[in-house]
Amino acid sequence: MPFRGALFLLLNSASSAGLISLSLLFLQLMRQLAAILFADMTGYTALMQENEQLARAKRKRLKDVLDVVIEKHHGKTIQYYGDG
């Protein structure tokens, strides 16, 4: 937990200038890039009607590929919506 020390210093800083500087440092340490991905499988509904097992396998394959790529780039999936 690298932020505990920074938070402790922030809360116990005697000077207001130091407090402001430490506040900005703390906020910079907590910033993260974010990306939101919306993906749709073309023809999924029709494929589900024709061959449900194949449709589920393709959906699982897409999820597996995305999970590997996201993890490779140190990302995390927050939630899947829809058929996922």
N, C-alpha and C. Protein backbone atom coordinates (compact mmCIF):
# COMPACT_ATOMS: atom_id res chain seq x y z
N MET A 1 0.82 -1.18 0.00
CA MET A 1 0.00 0.00 0.00
C MET A 1 0.87 1.25 0.00
N PRO A 2 1.29 1.72 -1.17
CA PRO A 2 2.20 2.85 -1.23
C PRO A 2 1.57 4.18 -0.84
N PHE A 3 0.25 4.28 -0.77
CA PHE A 3 -0.39 5.56 -0.50
C PHE A 3 -0.52 5.86 0.99
N ARG A 4 -0.37 4.87 1.86
CA ARG A 4 -0.53 5.11 3.29
C ARG A 4 0.43 6.18 3.80
N GLY A 5 1.69 6.08 3.39
CA GLY A 5 2.69 7.06 3.83
C GLY A 5 2.34 8.45 3.34
N ALA A 6 1.95 8.56 2.08
CA ALA A 6 1.61 9.86 1.51
C ALA A 6 0.39 10.43 2.22
N LEU A 7 -0.59 9.61 2.51
CA LEU A 7 -1.79 10.07 3.20
C LEU A 7 -1.45 10.50 4.61
N PHE A 8 -0.59 9.75 5.29
CA PHE A 8 -0.18 10.10 6.65
C PHE A 8 0.52 11.46 6.66
N LEU A 9 1.44 11.67 5.71
CA LEU A 9 2.14 12.94 5.62
C LEU A 9 1.17 14.07 5.29
N LEU A 10 0.23 13.80 4.43
CA LEU A 10 -0.74 14.79 4.04
C LEU A 10 -1.57 15.25 5.24
N LEU A 11 -1.99 14.31 6.04
CA LEU A 11 -2.84 14.64 7.18
C LEU A 11 -2.06 15.28 8.33
N ASN A 12 -0.75 15.05 8.40
CA ASN A 12 0.04 15.56 9.50
C ASN A 12 0.97 16.69 9.10
N SER A 13 0.78 17.28 7.93
CA SER A 13 1.63 18.37 7.47
C SER A 13 1.31 19.63 8.25
N ALA A 14 2.36 20.35 8.69
CA ALA A 14 2.16 21.54 9.51
C ALA A 14 1.90 22.77 8.66
N SER A 15 2.52 22.89 7.50
CA SER A 15 2.37 24.10 6.69
C SER A 15 1.28 23.91 5.64
N SER A 16 0.55 24.99 5.35
CA SER A 16 -0.52 24.89 4.35
C SER A 16 0.06 24.69 2.96
N ALA A 17 1.24 25.30 2.67
CA ALA A 17 1.87 25.09 1.36
C ALA A 17 2.27 23.63 1.21
N GLY A 18 2.81 23.05 2.26
CA GLY A 18 3.18 21.63 2.24
C GLY A 18 1.95 20.76 2.07
N LEU A 19 0.88 21.14 2.72
CA LEU A 19 -0.37 20.38 2.63
C LEU A 19 -0.90 20.40 1.20
N ILE A 20 -0.86 21.55 0.56
CA ILE A 20 -1.33 21.65 -0.83
C ILE A 20 -0.44 20.84 -1.76
N SER A 21 0.89 20.95 -1.58
CA SER A 21 1.81 20.19 -2.41
C SER A 21 1.60 18.70 -2.25
N LEU A 22 1.45 18.27 -1.01
CA LEU A 22 1.24 16.84 -0.77
C LEU A 22 -0.12 16.38 -1.30
N SER A 23 -1.11 17.25 -1.23
CA SER A 23 -2.43 16.91 -1.77
C SER A 23 -2.35 16.67 -3.27
N LEU A 24 -1.64 17.56 -3.98
CA LEU A 24 -1.49 17.40 -5.43
C LEU A 24 -0.71 16.15 -5.76
N LEU A 25 0.34 15.87 -4.99
CA LEU A 25 1.14 14.65 -5.20
C LEU A 25 0.26 13.42 -5.01
N PHE A 26 -0.53 13.42 -3.96
CA PHE A 26 -1.41 12.29 -3.67
C PHE A 26 -2.40 12.07 -4.81
N LEU A 27 -2.98 13.14 -5.32
CA LEU A 27 -3.94 13.02 -6.42
C LEU A 27 -3.26 12.51 -7.69
N GLN A 28 -2.04 12.95 -7.95
CA GLN A 28 -1.31 12.48 -9.13
C GLN A 28 -1.00 10.99 -9.02
N LEU A 29 -0.69 10.52 -7.82
CA LEU A 29 -0.40 9.10 -7.62
C LEU A 29 -1.63 8.24 -7.85
N MET A 30 -2.81 8.79 -7.63
CA MET A 30 -4.04 8.01 -7.73
C MET A 30 -4.66 8.06 -9.13
N ARG A 31 -4.17 8.93 -10.03
CA ARG A 31 -4.74 9.01 -11.37
C ARG A 31 -4.50 7.73 -12.14
N GLN A 32 -5.46 7.33 -12.92
CA GLN A 32 -5.36 6.14 -13.76
C GLN A 32 -6.01 6.43 -15.11
N LEU A 33 -5.45 5.83 -16.13
CA LEU A 33 -6.11 5.89 -17.43
C LEU A 33 -7.28 4.92 -17.42
N ALA A 34 -8.30 5.24 -18.16
CA ALA A 34 -9.46 4.36 -18.23
C ALA A 34 -9.92 4.24 -19.68
N ALA A 35 -10.41 3.08 -20.02
CA ALA A 35 -10.99 2.85 -21.34
C ALA A 35 -12.28 2.07 -21.15
N ILE A 36 -13.25 2.41 -21.92
CA ILE A 36 -14.52 1.69 -21.89
C ILE A 36 -14.70 1.03 -23.24
N LEU A 37 -14.93 -0.26 -23.23
CA LEU A 37 -15.07 -1.02 -24.47
C LEU A 37 -16.50 -1.52 -24.60
N PHE A 38 -17.10 -1.21 -25.73
CA PHE A 38 -18.40 -1.77 -26.09
C PHE A 38 -18.17 -2.63 -27.32
N ALA A 39 -18.53 -3.88 -27.24
CA ALA A 39 -18.33 -4.79 -28.38
C ALA A 39 -19.65 -5.52 -28.66
N ASP A 40 -19.88 -5.79 -29.91
CA ASP A 40 -21.08 -6.50 -30.31
C ASP A 40 -20.69 -7.58 -31.31
N MET A 41 -21.24 -8.76 -31.15
CA MET A 41 -20.98 -9.85 -32.09
C MET A 41 -22.04 -9.81 -33.19
N THR A 42 -21.61 -9.50 -34.37
CA THR A 42 -22.53 -9.44 -35.50
C THR A 42 -23.16 -10.81 -35.74
N GLY A 43 -24.47 -10.84 -35.85
CA GLY A 43 -25.19 -12.07 -36.14
C GLY A 43 -25.35 -13.01 -34.96
N TYR A 44 -25.08 -12.54 -33.75
CA TYR A 44 -25.14 -13.41 -32.57
C TYR A 44 -26.56 -13.95 -32.34
N THR A 45 -27.55 -13.09 -32.44
CA THR A 45 -28.93 -13.53 -32.19
C THR A 45 -29.35 -14.59 -33.20
N ALA A 46 -29.03 -14.37 -34.47
CA ALA A 46 -29.37 -15.35 -35.50
C ALA A 46 -28.63 -16.66 -35.27
N LEU A 47 -27.35 -16.57 -34.89
CA LEU A 47 -26.56 -17.77 -34.63
C LEU A 47 -27.13 -18.53 -33.42
N MET A 48 -27.59 -17.81 -32.41
CA MET A 48 -28.19 -18.46 -31.24
C MET A 48 -29.43 -19.26 -31.66
N GLN A 49 -30.18 -18.73 -32.61
CA GLN A 49 -31.38 -19.43 -33.06
C GLN A 49 -31.02 -20.65 -33.90
N GLU A 50 -29.92 -20.57 -34.64
CA GLU A 50 -29.50 -21.69 -35.49
C GLU A 50 -28.71 -22.75 -34.72
N ASN A 51 -27.76 -22.29 -33.90
CA ASN A 51 -26.86 -23.22 -33.22
C ASN A 51 -26.41 -22.59 -31.90
N GLU A 52 -27.17 -22.82 -30.86
CA GLU A 52 -26.91 -22.20 -29.56
C GLU A 52 -25.53 -22.58 -29.00
N GLN A 53 -25.15 -23.83 -29.15
CA GLN A 53 -23.86 -24.29 -28.64
C GLN A 53 -22.69 -23.56 -29.32
N LEU A 54 -22.76 -23.39 -30.63
CA LEU A 54 -21.71 -22.68 -31.36
C LEU A 54 -21.68 -21.20 -30.96
N ALA A 55 -22.85 -20.59 -30.80
CA ALA A 55 -22.92 -19.19 -30.41
C ALA A 55 -22.28 -18.98 -29.04
N ARG A 56 -22.59 -19.86 -28.11
CA ARG A 56 -21.99 -19.76 -26.76
C ARG A 56 -20.48 -19.96 -26.81
N ALA A 57 -20.01 -20.87 -27.64
CA ALA A 57 -18.57 -21.12 -27.78
C ALA A 57 -17.86 -19.90 -28.35
N LYS A 58 -18.48 -19.27 -29.34
CA LYS A 58 -17.88 -18.07 -29.93
C LYS A 58 -17.86 -16.91 -28.94
N ARG A 59 -18.93 -16.77 -28.17
CA ARG A 59 -18.98 -15.72 -27.16
C ARG A 59 -17.90 -15.95 -26.09
N LYS A 60 -17.73 -17.21 -25.68
CA LYS A 60 -16.70 -17.55 -24.70
C LYS A 60 -15.31 -17.28 -25.25
N ARG A 61 -15.09 -17.62 -26.52
CA ARG A 61 -13.79 -17.37 -27.16
C ARG A 61 -13.47 -15.88 -27.19
N LEU A 62 -14.44 -15.06 -27.53
CA LEU A 62 -14.24 -13.61 -27.54
C LEU A 62 -13.87 -13.11 -26.14
N LYS A 63 -14.61 -13.57 -25.13
CA LYS A 63 -14.33 -13.17 -23.75
C LYS A 63 -12.93 -13.61 -23.33
N ASP A 64 -12.54 -14.83 -23.66
CA ASP A 64 -11.21 -15.34 -23.31
C ASP A 64 -10.10 -14.51 -23.95
N VAL A 65 -10.27 -14.16 -25.22
CA VAL A 65 -9.26 -13.34 -25.92
C VAL A 65 -9.17 -11.96 -25.27
N LEU A 66 -10.32 -11.34 -25.01
CA LEU A 66 -10.31 -10.03 -24.38
C LEU A 66 -9.66 -10.08 -23.00
N ASP A 67 -9.96 -11.11 -22.22
CA ASP A 67 -9.37 -11.24 -20.88
C ASP A 67 -7.85 -11.32 -20.94
N VAL A 68 -7.32 -12.07 -21.89
CA VAL A 68 -5.86 -12.21 -22.04
C VAL A 68 -5.23 -10.87 -22.41
N VAL A 69 -5.82 -10.18 -23.38
CA VAL A 69 -5.27 -8.90 -23.84
C VAL A 69 -5.35 -7.85 -22.73
N ILE A 70 -6.46 -7.80 -22.04
CA ILE A 70 -6.63 -6.83 -20.96
C ILE A 70 -5.60 -7.08 -19.86
N GLU A 71 -5.43 -8.33 -19.48
CA GLU A 71 -4.46 -8.68 -18.44
C GLU A 71 -3.03 -8.37 -18.90
N LYS A 72 -2.73 -8.63 -20.16
CA LYS A 72 -1.40 -8.36 -20.71
C LYS A 72 -1.03 -6.89 -20.56
N HIS A 73 -2.01 -6.02 -20.66
CA HIS A 73 -1.78 -4.58 -20.56
C HIS A 73 -2.10 -4.05 -19.15
N HIS A 74 -2.12 -4.95 -18.17
CA HIS A 74 -2.32 -4.61 -16.76
C HIS A 74 -3.66 -3.92 -16.50
N GLY A 75 -4.64 -4.31 -17.27
CA GLY A 75 -5.97 -3.75 -17.09
C GLY A 75 -6.85 -4.67 -16.27
N LYS A 76 -8.06 -4.26 -16.07
CA LYS A 76 -9.02 -5.11 -15.36
C LYS A 76 -10.41 -4.88 -15.92
N THR A 77 -11.18 -5.93 -15.92
CA THR A 77 -12.56 -5.86 -16.37
C THR A 77 -13.43 -5.59 -15.14
N ILE A 78 -14.21 -4.56 -15.21
CA ILE A 78 -15.08 -4.22 -14.09
C ILE A 78 -16.39 -5.01 -14.16
N GLN A 79 -16.99 -5.09 -15.34
CA GLN A 79 -18.28 -5.77 -15.45
C GLN A 79 -18.58 -6.11 -16.91
N TYR A 80 -19.24 -7.22 -17.11
CA TYR A 80 -19.78 -7.58 -18.42
C TYR A 80 -21.28 -7.34 -18.39
N TYR A 81 -21.82 -6.88 -19.50
CA TYR A 81 -23.27 -6.65 -19.61
C TYR A 81 -23.81 -7.52 -20.73
N GLY A 82 -25.09 -7.61 -20.80
CA GLY A 82 -25.74 -8.34 -21.90
C GLY A 82 -25.54 -9.83 -21.79
N ASP A 83 -25.18 -10.46 -22.90
CA ASP A 83 -25.04 -11.91 -22.96
C ASP A 83 -23.77 -12.41 -22.29
N GLY A 84 -22.85 -11.52 -21.94
CA GLY A 84 -21.56 -11.90 -21.36
C GLY A 84 -21.71 -12.50 -20.01
